[in-house]
Protein backbone atom coordinates (compact mmCIF):
# COMPACT_ATOMS: atom_id res chain seq x y z
CA MET A 1 23.26 7.57 5.73
CA GLU A 2 22.92 10.11 8.53
CA ALA A 3 22.16 12.89 6.05
CA SER A 4 19.46 10.71 4.50
CA LEU A 5 17.93 10.04 7.91
CA GLN A 6 17.85 13.75 8.68
CA ALA A 7 16.22 14.35 5.29
CA LEU A 8 13.59 11.75 6.22
CA ASP A 9 12.89 13.58 9.49
CA ARG A 10 12.38 16.80 7.54
CA ALA A 11 10.08 15.07 5.05
CA LEU A 12 8.06 13.55 7.89
CA GLY A 13 8.04 16.78 9.86
CA VAL A 14 9.12 14.97 13.02
CA ALA A 15 12.28 14.72 15.08
CA PHE A 16 12.89 11.27 16.52
CA GLU A 17 14.02 11.31 20.13
CA ASP A 18 15.16 7.67 19.87
CA PRO A 19 17.18 7.21 16.64
CA GLU A 20 17.32 3.46 17.25
CA LEU A 21 13.57 3.23 16.67
CA ARG A 22 13.96 5.05 13.38
CA ARG A 23 16.76 2.73 12.32
CA ALA A 24 14.77 -0.35 13.33
CA ALA A 25 11.83 0.86 11.23
CA LEU A 26 14.10 0.91 8.17
CA THR A 27 15.71 -2.50 8.78
CA HIS A 28 14.35 -5.11 6.39
CA ARG A 29 14.67 -8.74 7.47
CA SER A 30 17.09 -9.46 4.60
CA TYR A 31 19.55 -6.89 6.00
CA ALA A 32 19.10 -8.17 9.55
CA PHE A 33 19.77 -11.75 8.42
CA GLU A 34 22.92 -10.88 6.47
CA ASN A 35 24.28 -8.79 9.33
CA SER A 36 23.24 -11.10 12.17
CA LEU A 37 20.99 -8.49 13.74
CA GLY A 38 18.22 -9.39 16.13
CA VAL A 39 15.97 -6.50 15.15
CA THR A 40 13.87 -6.07 11.99
CA ASN A 41 11.04 -3.69 11.15
CA GLU A 42 8.39 -6.42 11.23
CA ARG A 43 7.09 -5.79 14.76
CA LEU A 44 6.99 -2.03 14.17
CA GLU A 45 5.16 -2.64 10.88
CA PHE A 46 2.56 -4.72 12.74
CA LEU A 47 2.04 -1.89 15.24
CA GLY A 48 2.06 0.84 12.60
CA ASP A 49 -0.52 -0.97 10.49
CA SER A 50 -2.98 -0.83 13.41
CA VAL A 51 -2.23 2.81 14.21
CA LEU A 52 -2.66 3.77 10.55
CA GLY A 53 -5.99 1.95 10.36
CA VAL A 54 -7.38 3.68 13.43
CA VAL A 55 -6.25 7.16 12.36
CA VAL A 56 -7.52 6.83 8.78
CA THR A 57 -10.84 5.38 9.97
CA ASP A 58 -11.27 8.21 12.48
CA MET A 59 -10.39 10.81 9.85
CA ALA A 60 -12.88 9.36 7.36
CA TYR A 61 -15.63 9.06 9.98
CA ARG A 62 -15.27 12.68 11.11
CA THR A 63 -14.73 14.18 7.66
CA TYR A 64 -17.68 12.49 5.94
CA PRO A 65 -20.54 12.26 8.47
CA ASP A 66 -23.09 11.33 5.81
CA MET A 67 -21.06 8.47 4.32
CA SER A 68 -22.45 4.96 4.89
CA GLU A 69 -20.51 2.22 6.67
CA GLY A 70 -19.95 0.42 3.38
CA MET A 71 -18.58 3.52 1.67
CA LEU A 72 -16.35 4.27 4.65
CA ALA A 73 -14.92 0.75 4.40
CA LYS A 74 -14.19 1.22 0.69
CA LEU A 75 -12.59 4.58 1.35
CA ARG A 76 -10.33 3.15 4.05
CA ALA A 77 -9.35 0.21 1.81
CA ALA A 78 -8.45 2.61 -0.99
CA ILE A 79 -6.29 4.75 1.29
CA VAL A 80 -4.33 2.06 3.16
CA ASN A 81 -3.72 -0.54 0.44
CA MET A 82 -0.19 -1.58 -0.45
CA ILE A 83 0.00 0.36 -3.71
CA ALA A 84 -1.10 3.62 -2.05
CA LEU A 85 1.29 3.13 0.88
CA ALA A 86 4.20 2.41 -1.47
CA ASP A 87 3.41 5.57 -3.40
CA VAL A 88 3.55 7.65 -0.20
CA ALA A 89 6.78 5.90 0.79
CA ARG A 90 8.34 6.84 -2.57
CA SER A 91 7.34 10.46 -2.07
CA LEU A 92 9.27 10.41 1.22
CA GLY A 93 12.35 8.77 -0.31
CA LEU A 94 12.10 5.64 1.85
CA GLY A 95 13.36 3.45 -0.95
CA GLU A 96 16.70 5.24 -0.92
CA ILE A 97 17.42 4.65 2.76
CA VAL A 98 15.71 1.38 3.72
CA LEU A 99 18.33 -1.16 4.84
CA LEU A 100 18.26 -4.17 2.50
CA GLY A 101 20.28 -7.33 2.09
CA LYS A 102 22.34 -7.73 -1.07
CA GLY A 103 19.84 -10.09 -2.69
CA GLU A 104 16.91 -7.72 -2.20
CA GLU A 105 19.06 -4.82 -3.33
CA GLN A 106 19.98 -6.56 -6.58
CA SER A 107 16.40 -7.64 -7.29
CA GLY A 108 15.03 -4.09 -7.22
CA GLY A 109 13.83 -4.16 -3.64
CA ARG A 110 14.19 -0.41 -3.23
CA ASP A 111 11.15 0.05 -5.46
CA LYS A 112 9.23 -3.07 -4.42
CA ALA A 113 5.74 -2.07 -3.26
CA SER A 114 5.57 -4.56 -0.40
CA ILE A 115 8.92 -3.47 1.08
CA LEU A 116 8.08 0.22 0.78
CA ALA A 117 4.59 -0.19 2.27
CA ASP A 118 5.93 -2.22 5.21
CA ALA A 119 8.69 0.33 5.86
CA LEU A 120 6.18 3.18 5.93
CA GLU A 121 3.94 1.34 8.40
CA ALA A 122 7.02 0.59 10.50
CA ILE A 123 7.84 4.30 10.51
CA PHE A 124 4.34 5.01 11.85
CA GLY A 125 4.89 2.40 14.56
CA ALA A 126 8.22 3.96 15.49
CA VAL A 127 6.79 7.49 15.62
CA TYR A 128 3.92 6.22 17.78
CA LEU A 129 6.30 4.62 20.30
CA ASP A 130 8.73 7.53 20.28
CA LEU A 131 6.47 10.58 20.13
CA GLY A 132 2.96 9.41 20.92
CA LEU A 133 -0.39 9.06 19.18
CA GLY A 134 -0.95 12.81 18.72
CA VAL A 135 2.18 13.34 16.65
CA THR A 136 1.54 10.13 14.70
CA SER A 137 -2.03 11.18 13.93
CA GLU A 138 -0.88 14.57 12.65
CA LEU A 139 1.71 12.88 10.44
CA ILE A 140 -0.72 10.36 8.98
CA GLU A 141 -3.37 13.00 8.37
CA ARG A 142 -0.85 15.26 6.62
CA LEU A 143 0.21 12.43 4.32
CA PHE A 144 -3.16 10.82 3.64
CA ARG A 145 -5.86 13.50 3.82
CA PRO A 146 -5.08 14.81 0.30
CA ARG A 147 -5.37 11.27 -1.03
CA MET A 148 -8.62 10.69 0.82
CA GLU A 149 -10.14 13.88 -0.57
CA ALA A 150 -8.91 13.02 -4.09
CA TYR A 151 -10.47 9.56 -3.85
CA VAL A 152 -13.83 11.01 -2.79
CA ARG A 153 -13.63 13.38 -5.78
CA GLY A 154 -13.17 10.35 -8.03
CA GLU A 155 -9.42 10.79 -8.56
CA GLY A 156 -6.45 8.62 -7.73
CA GLU A 157 -6.08 4.87 -7.41
CA ARG A 158 -9.19 2.77 -6.91
CA ASP A 159 -9.85 -0.68 -5.48
CA TYR A 160 -10.64 -2.14 -8.89
CA LYS A 161 -11.02 -5.72 -7.66
CA THR A 162 -13.95 -4.74 -5.45
CA MET A 163 -15.40 -2.44 -8.10
CA LEU A 164 -15.20 -5.17 -10.76
CA GLN A 165 -16.79 -7.73 -8.46
CA GLU A 166 -19.72 -5.43 -7.76
CA LEU A 167 -20.16 -4.49 -11.43
CA ALA A 168 -19.93 -8.10 -12.63
CA SER A 169 -22.37 -9.32 -10.00
CA ARG A 170 -24.85 -6.61 -10.89
CA SER A 171 -24.52 -6.64 -14.67
CA LEU A 172 -23.41 -10.16 -15.58
CA ARG A 173 -24.50 -12.25 -12.61
CA SER A 174 -20.95 -13.56 -12.64
CA MET A 175 -17.96 -13.47 -10.31
CA PRO A 176 -14.42 -12.63 -11.49
CA ASP A 177 -12.02 -15.57 -11.76
CA TYR A 178 -8.32 -14.66 -11.54
CA ARG A 179 -5.65 -16.95 -12.99
CA ILE A 180 -2.06 -16.24 -12.06
CA GLU A 181 1.18 -17.09 -13.79
CA GLU A 182 4.61 -16.33 -12.40
CA GLU A 183 8.07 -16.23 -13.89
CA GLY A 184 11.57 -15.39 -12.79
CA PRO A 185 13.70 -16.50 -9.82
CA ASP A 186 12.34 -16.36 -6.28
CA HIS A 187 14.06 -13.05 -5.54
CA GLN A 188 12.76 -11.37 -8.71
CA LYS A 189 9.38 -12.85 -9.59
CA GLU A 190 6.93 -11.16 -11.91
CA PHE A 191 3.27 -12.12 -11.80
CA THR A 192 0.77 -12.01 -14.65
CA ALA A 193 -2.94 -12.08 -13.83
CA ILE A 194 -5.79 -12.71 -16.25
CA VAL A 195 -9.34 -12.13 -15.06
CA PHE A 196 -12.17 -14.15 -16.57
CA LEU A 197 -15.87 -13.38 -16.48
CA GLY A 198 -18.27 -16.05 -17.68
CA GLY A 199 -15.32 -18.02 -19.01
CA GLU A 200 -14.02 -15.15 -21.15
CA ALA A 201 -10.80 -13.23 -20.51
CA GLN A 202 -11.62 -9.59 -19.84
CA GLY A 203 -8.39 -8.10 -18.55
CA SER A 204 -4.74 -8.79 -17.79
CA GLY A 205 -2.07 -7.18 -15.68
CA LYS A 206 1.49 -7.58 -14.47
CA GLY A 207 3.09 -6.81 -11.12
CA ARG A 208 5.76 -7.68 -8.59
CA SER A 209 3.07 -9.27 -6.42
CA LYS A 210 -0.09 -11.27 -7.12
CA LYS A 211 -2.20 -8.50 -5.59
CA GLU A 212 -0.67 -5.84 -7.80
CA ALA A 213 -1.15 -7.96 -10.95
CA GLU A 214 -4.77 -8.71 -10.02
CA GLN A 215 -5.52 -5.02 -9.46
CA GLN A 216 -4.13 -4.17 -12.90
CA ALA A 217 -6.18 -6.94 -14.52
CA ALA A 218 -9.32 -5.85 -12.66
CA ARG A 219 -8.79 -2.25 -13.75
CA GLU A 220 -8.58 -3.24 -17.42
CA ALA A 221 -11.67 -5.44 -17.16
CA TYR A 222 -13.66 -2.83 -15.22
CA LEU A 223 -12.93 -0.08 -17.73
CA ARG A 224 -13.81 -2.43 -20.59
CA LEU A 225 -17.15 -3.35 -19.02
CA GLN A 226 -17.92 0.28 -18.22
CA ALA A 227 -17.52 1.10 -21.91
CA VAL A 228 -20.12 -1.50 -22.96
CA PRO A 229 -23.59 0.08 -23.37
CA SER A 230 -26.18 -1.27 -20.95
CA ASP A 231 -29.20 -3.08 -22.39
CA GLY A 232 -31.35 -1.33 -19.84
């Protein structure tokens, strides 16, 4: 475990002065419950979410001075959504060292997007408390600037739910309607989303969360609509 924590420090490019903050950031509530601990990463995640939002917003504002408020909001949403955060967390190896209860461990929690995203935000909260805003800002910018620039170039993950809503409103005068089905036990649910436009199914998707399934369904529907020639 200690070797993994040191590897995390190297990946982050930081050296925690308070190792207890680092450990708390990696402590999922399932582990805390099973081991009768009073500390989880939930408070740090709450703090880190706010710090991340401020730093990403500031970075976008300064980097793209000609970008409208609406486009800045879309850019921020694309950079700090759960799927993007989980992807960054995987690149840092957080899934290998996050402290999970046995149930979460057995249900694939080490690769669950929500757990990974929360752990990453908790890490940002811990770095902020331990080393200050300057170090945290440098860390967040190092991790997220390449993704921000890729998004502006038209690469990477998109917020397909918002994009589909705008396209459907403009082209079909219709709003997407998502219908969700779920299967599996509580600790290992899989969600299936089908998106309807004008009463017709246009896309489907699966995920470990409703949000993830809806994004996949929206992506399929958006790409399908984009391929339809416009009458105008």
